Amino acid sequence: MLLRLPTSLSEARRCLADGAVPVGGATLVWAQWQRDGFPDQAMSLRRLPEATVVDAETLGAAVLLHQIDDRVPEVLRRAAASIGTGAVRRTATVGGNIVGSTLRCLLPPALVLNARATVMDGDGTYEAELAEVVAKRPLMLDIRWRRPLVSAYWKAPGEVGGPPPLVVATAVHTEEDGGRRLLTAVRDGDEAVSASVPATADAGRVLDDLEGTALGGLPGEAWDAIRREVTDILGRA
């Protein structure tokens, strides 16, 4: 297998055109390749500047999970720190977790940040909704967001090899008119559900509003966590 390491967007497009398979740390595909055979060419974005950015409003797809630090919002940092073991976090990438994984532990944080992805195809780069990225699995270069006032992340204890643990991510944003908005995302099983409602000091009213969204159909265990997390973040906003 030839591993190609493009250093520019034009070179990355040529790799795609040549049939190179995008790969990050290969933590999700190595066993499959050993079983089914390795591709002729693979492509890593670890030398592409656009895919290795870490700052207050951007996170590159080739960034390793252990490199996610306090430059990004708390919700992303805590989510990354909860994924796998230290060895996994030193190998797995942001793009691999969001695009390649079925667990997508970084997806709920990205949803509450109202993030959008920069992706690439044979014609160039463009901006995409996260739902499109999850459904179509394009080559992702980064995710971008607007900084929240405050954010938080909670993940239930889980067992190795067991079902995906419950995740609740929250963030409060300032709107253009000066108001505040709460974004909440929950991973229950393999699915991530999100909702957005006005954020006021009345936690009970905010929770009532959330019950009228797509989150309303979640089970009681999820709602226990939602109530706790929403009440906490509204107290810090």
Protein backbone atom coordinates (compact mmCIF):
# COMPACT_ATOMS: atom_id res chain seq x y z
CA MET A 1 0.00 0.00 0.00
CA LEU A 2 1.31 3.44 -0.97
CA LEU A 3 0.61 6.12 1.67
CA ARG A 4 0.36 9.57 0.12
CA LEU A 5 0.84 12.70 2.24
CA PRO A 6 -0.36 15.78 0.33
CA THR A 7 0.82 19.21 1.50
CA SER A 8 -1.62 21.31 -0.54
CA LEU A 9 -5.30 21.21 -1.47
CA SER A 10 -4.51 20.72 -5.15
CA GLU A 11 -2.28 17.76 -4.33
CA ALA A 12 -5.00 16.27 -2.12
CA ARG A 13 -7.49 16.56 -4.99
CA ARG A 14 -5.06 14.70 -7.26
CA CYS A 15 -4.78 11.94 -4.67
CA LEU A 16 -8.57 11.61 -4.61
CA ALA A 17 -8.68 11.53 -8.39
CA ASP A 18 -6.10 8.73 -8.35
CA GLY A 19 -8.32 6.67 -6.06
CA ALA A 20 -6.40 7.11 -2.80
CA VAL A 21 -8.47 6.07 0.23
CA PRO A 22 -8.60 8.79 2.94
CA VAL A 23 -7.26 7.51 6.25
CA GLY A 24 -6.38 9.15 9.56
CA GLY A 25 -4.90 7.00 12.28
CA ALA A 26 -6.37 3.84 10.69
CA THR A 27 -7.70 2.79 14.09
CA LEU A 28 -11.07 1.95 12.53
CA VAL A 29 -9.95 0.25 9.31
CA TRP A 30 -6.70 -1.56 10.03
CA ALA A 31 -8.33 -4.81 11.14
CA GLN A 32 -10.66 -4.69 8.12
CA TRP A 33 -7.72 -4.19 5.77
CA GLN A 34 -5.85 -7.07 7.34
CA ARG A 35 -8.89 -9.27 6.76
CA ASP A 36 -10.04 -8.04 3.34
CA GLY A 37 -6.85 -6.69 1.80
CA PHE A 38 -5.11 -3.33 1.73
CA PRO A 39 -5.97 -0.63 -0.84
CA ASP A 40 -3.39 0.24 -3.46
CA GLN A 41 -3.19 3.82 -2.19
CA ALA A 42 -4.16 5.61 1.02
CA MET A 43 -4.02 9.32 1.80
CA SER A 44 -3.35 11.01 5.13
CA LEU A 45 -3.98 14.73 5.66
CA ARG A 46 -1.52 15.05 8.53
CA ARG A 47 0.80 17.31 6.45
CA LEU A 48 -2.01 19.44 5.03
CA PRO A 49 -2.10 22.81 6.87
CA GLU A 50 -5.85 23.23 6.33
CA ALA A 51 -6.50 19.91 8.11
CA THR A 52 -4.23 20.42 11.11
CA VAL A 53 -5.57 23.70 12.54
CA VAL A 54 -6.48 23.96 16.23
CA ASP A 55 -7.85 27.31 17.42
CA ALA A 56 -10.84 28.87 19.15
CA GLU A 57 -13.17 28.43 16.16
CA THR A 58 -11.61 25.72 13.96
CA LEU A 59 -10.53 22.10 14.38
CA GLY A 60 -8.79 20.27 11.56
CA ALA A 61 -9.83 16.78 10.52
CA ALA A 62 -6.27 15.43 10.79
CA VAL A 63 -5.80 16.66 14.37
CA LEU A 64 -5.15 13.78 16.76
CA LEU A 65 -7.57 13.54 19.66
CA HIS A 66 -4.85 14.02 22.28
CA GLN A 67 -3.93 17.36 20.62
CA ILE A 68 -7.35 18.86 21.38
CA ASP A 69 -6.69 21.26 24.25
CA ASP A 70 -8.02 24.43 25.87
CA ARG A 71 -7.80 26.35 22.60
CA VAL A 72 -11.20 24.86 21.71
CA PRO A 73 -14.48 25.07 23.68
CA GLU A 74 -14.84 22.92 26.76
CA VAL A 75 -17.46 20.65 25.18
CA LEU A 76 -15.03 19.50 22.46
CA ARG A 77 -12.07 19.19 24.79
CA ARG A 78 -13.91 17.04 27.32
CA ALA A 79 -15.43 14.85 24.62
CA ALA A 80 -12.04 14.16 23.06
CA ALA A 81 -10.52 13.32 26.44
CA SER A 82 -13.24 10.71 27.05
CA ILE A 83 -12.63 8.70 23.87
CA GLY A 84 -10.88 5.35 24.19
CA THR A 85 -7.50 4.94 25.82
CA GLY A 86 -4.47 7.21 25.75
CA ALA A 87 -3.00 5.07 22.99
CA VAL A 88 -6.16 5.50 20.90
CA ARG A 89 -6.23 9.27 21.45
CA ARG A 90 -2.62 9.54 20.28
CA THR A 91 -3.55 7.88 16.97
CA ALA A 92 -7.23 8.58 16.18
CA THR A 93 -8.21 11.77 14.35
CA VAL A 94 -11.09 14.23 14.44
CA GLY A 95 -12.16 13.30 10.92
CA GLY A 96 -12.02 9.60 11.68
CA ASN A 97 -14.25 10.04 14.70
CA ILE A 98 -16.91 12.17 12.99
CA VAL A 99 -16.88 10.62 9.51
CA GLY A 100 -15.51 7.11 9.95
CA SER A 101 -16.81 6.02 13.37
CA THR A 102 -20.27 4.75 14.21
CA LEU A 103 -19.98 6.18 17.75
CA ARG A 104 -19.06 9.73 16.66
CA CYS A 105 -18.31 10.98 20.17
CA LEU A 106 -17.36 14.39 18.75
CA LEU A 107 -20.62 14.81 16.85
CA PRO A 108 -22.84 15.97 19.76
CA PRO A 109 -20.28 18.66 20.74
CA ALA A 110 -20.03 19.78 17.11
CA LEU A 111 -23.83 19.97 16.90
CA VAL A 112 -24.19 22.21 19.97
CA LEU A 113 -21.46 24.47 18.60
CA ASN A 114 -23.60 24.76 15.45
CA ALA A 115 -20.49 23.72 13.54
CA ARG A 116 -20.19 23.31 9.80
CA ALA A 117 -17.61 21.24 7.97
CA THR A 118 -15.25 22.11 5.15
CA VAL A 119 -15.12 19.14 2.80
CA MET A 120 -13.42 18.29 -0.47
CA ASP A 121 -14.37 16.47 -3.63
CA GLY A 122 -12.85 16.30 -7.10
CA ASP A 123 -14.06 19.82 -7.91
CA GLY A 124 -12.64 21.56 -4.86
CA THR A 125 -13.71 22.49 -1.33
CA TYR A 126 -17.09 23.58 -0.01
CA GLU A 127 -18.96 24.01 3.27
CA ALA A 128 -21.40 21.31 4.38
CA GLU A 129 -23.88 20.64 7.17
CA LEU A 130 -22.82 17.95 9.63
CA ALA A 131 -25.85 15.86 8.65
CA GLU A 132 -24.51 15.70 5.09
CA VAL A 133 -21.04 14.75 6.33
CA VAL A 134 -22.42 11.89 8.42
CA ALA A 135 -24.66 10.63 5.62
CA LYS A 136 -22.30 10.94 2.64
CA ARG A 137 -18.89 10.59 4.34
CA PRO A 138 -16.94 13.00 2.13
CA LEU A 139 -13.30 13.92 2.72
CA MET A 140 -13.55 16.36 5.63
CA LEU A 141 -10.89 19.04 6.11
CA ASP A 142 -12.14 20.75 9.26
CA ILE A 143 -15.09 21.87 11.35
CA ARG A 144 -15.76 25.53 12.14
CA TRP A 145 -18.06 27.19 14.66
CA ARG A 146 -18.87 30.44 16.43
CA ARG A 147 -17.55 30.57 19.98
CA PRO A 148 -20.23 29.91 22.63
CA LEU A 149 -20.60 31.74 25.91
CA VAL A 150 -20.27 28.46 27.77
CA SER A 151 -20.42 24.76 26.94
CA ALA A 152 -20.40 21.41 28.74
CA TYR A 153 -20.19 17.67 28.09
CA TRP A 154 -21.34 14.65 30.06
CA LYS A 155 -20.85 11.00 29.18
CA ALA A 156 -22.31 8.09 31.13
CA PRO A 157 -19.97 5.32 32.28
CA GLY A 158 -19.70 2.55 29.71
CA GLU A 159 -18.24 -0.91 29.37
CA VAL A 160 -15.70 -1.93 26.77
CA GLY A 161 -17.59 -3.77 24.04
CA GLY A 162 -20.93 -2.69 25.49
CA PRO A 163 -23.57 -0.39 24.01
CA PRO A 164 -22.60 3.24 23.29
CA PRO A 165 -22.87 5.25 26.52
CA LEU A 166 -25.34 8.09 26.78
CA VAL A 167 -23.87 11.51 25.93
CA VAL A 168 -25.31 14.96 26.63
CA ALA A 169 -23.62 18.05 25.16
CA THR A 170 -24.80 21.62 25.80
CA ALA A 171 -23.78 25.14 24.78
CA VAL A 172 -25.21 28.63 25.20
CA HIS A 173 -24.70 31.13 22.37
CA THR A 174 -25.32 34.86 22.05
CA GLU A 175 -27.67 35.73 19.18
CA GLU A 176 -27.38 38.74 16.90
CA ASP A 177 -30.25 40.49 18.69
CA GLY A 178 -28.49 40.12 22.04
CA GLY A 179 -30.58 37.19 23.24
CA ARG A 180 -29.20 33.82 24.22
CA ARG A 181 -29.89 30.38 22.78
CA LEU A 182 -29.31 26.93 24.26
CA LEU A 183 -28.23 24.09 21.98
CA THR A 184 -28.48 20.57 23.36
CA ALA A 185 -27.43 17.32 21.68
CA VAL A 186 -27.87 13.79 22.98
CA ARG A 187 -26.37 10.55 21.75
CA ASP A 188 -28.71 7.75 22.73
CA GLY A 189 -27.51 4.47 21.23
CA ASP A 190 -26.09 5.08 17.77
CA GLU A 191 -28.19 8.18 17.09
CA ALA A 192 -27.47 11.83 17.89
CA VAL A 193 -30.47 14.14 18.37
CA SER A 194 -30.17 17.89 18.83
CA ALA A 195 -32.41 20.87 19.54
CA SER A 196 -32.20 24.62 20.02
CA VAL A 197 -34.37 26.81 22.28
CA PRO A 198 -34.11 30.30 23.79
CA ALA A 199 -31.92 30.35 26.91
CA THR A 200 -33.44 32.21 29.84
CA ALA A 201 -32.79 32.20 33.57
CA ASP A 202 -35.91 30.06 34.07
CA ALA A 203 -34.52 26.53 33.74
CA GLY A 204 -37.97 24.98 34.13
CA ARG A 205 -39.31 26.91 31.17
CA VAL A 206 -36.26 26.08 29.05
CA LEU A 207 -36.70 22.38 29.84
CA ASP A 208 -40.39 22.60 28.93
CA ASP A 209 -39.39 24.13 25.61
CA LEU A 210 -36.89 21.31 25.02
CA GLU A 211 -39.57 18.70 25.66
CA GLY A 212 -41.44 20.09 22.68
CA THR A 213 -38.48 19.41 20.36
CA ALA A 214 -36.99 16.23 18.90
CA LEU A 215 -35.48 15.55 22.35
CA GLY A 216 -38.96 15.02 23.79
CA GLY A 217 -39.10 11.39 22.67
CA LEU A 218 -35.95 10.37 24.52
CA PRO A 219 -36.24 7.90 27.45
CA GLY A 220 -36.31 8.87 31.11
CA GLU A 221 -32.63 8.12 31.72
CA ALA A 222 -31.67 10.60 29.02
CA TRP A 223 -34.02 13.23 30.43
CA ASP A 224 -32.55 12.89 33.91
CA ALA A 225 -29.18 13.82 32.41
CA ILE A 226 -30.65 16.58 30.22
CA ARG A 227 -32.33 18.24 33.19
CA ARG A 228 -29.15 18.15 35.23
CA GLU A 229 -26.89 19.40 32.44
CA VAL A 230 -29.25 22.14 31.23
CA THR A 231 -29.85 23.45 34.76
CA ASP A 232 -26.10 23.53 35.37
CA ILE A 233 -25.14 25.31 32.17
CA LEU A 234 -27.90 27.92 32.49
CA GLY A 235 -26.50 28.70 35.94
CA ARG A 236 -23.08 29.33 34.40
CA ALA A 237 -24.21 31.29 31.32
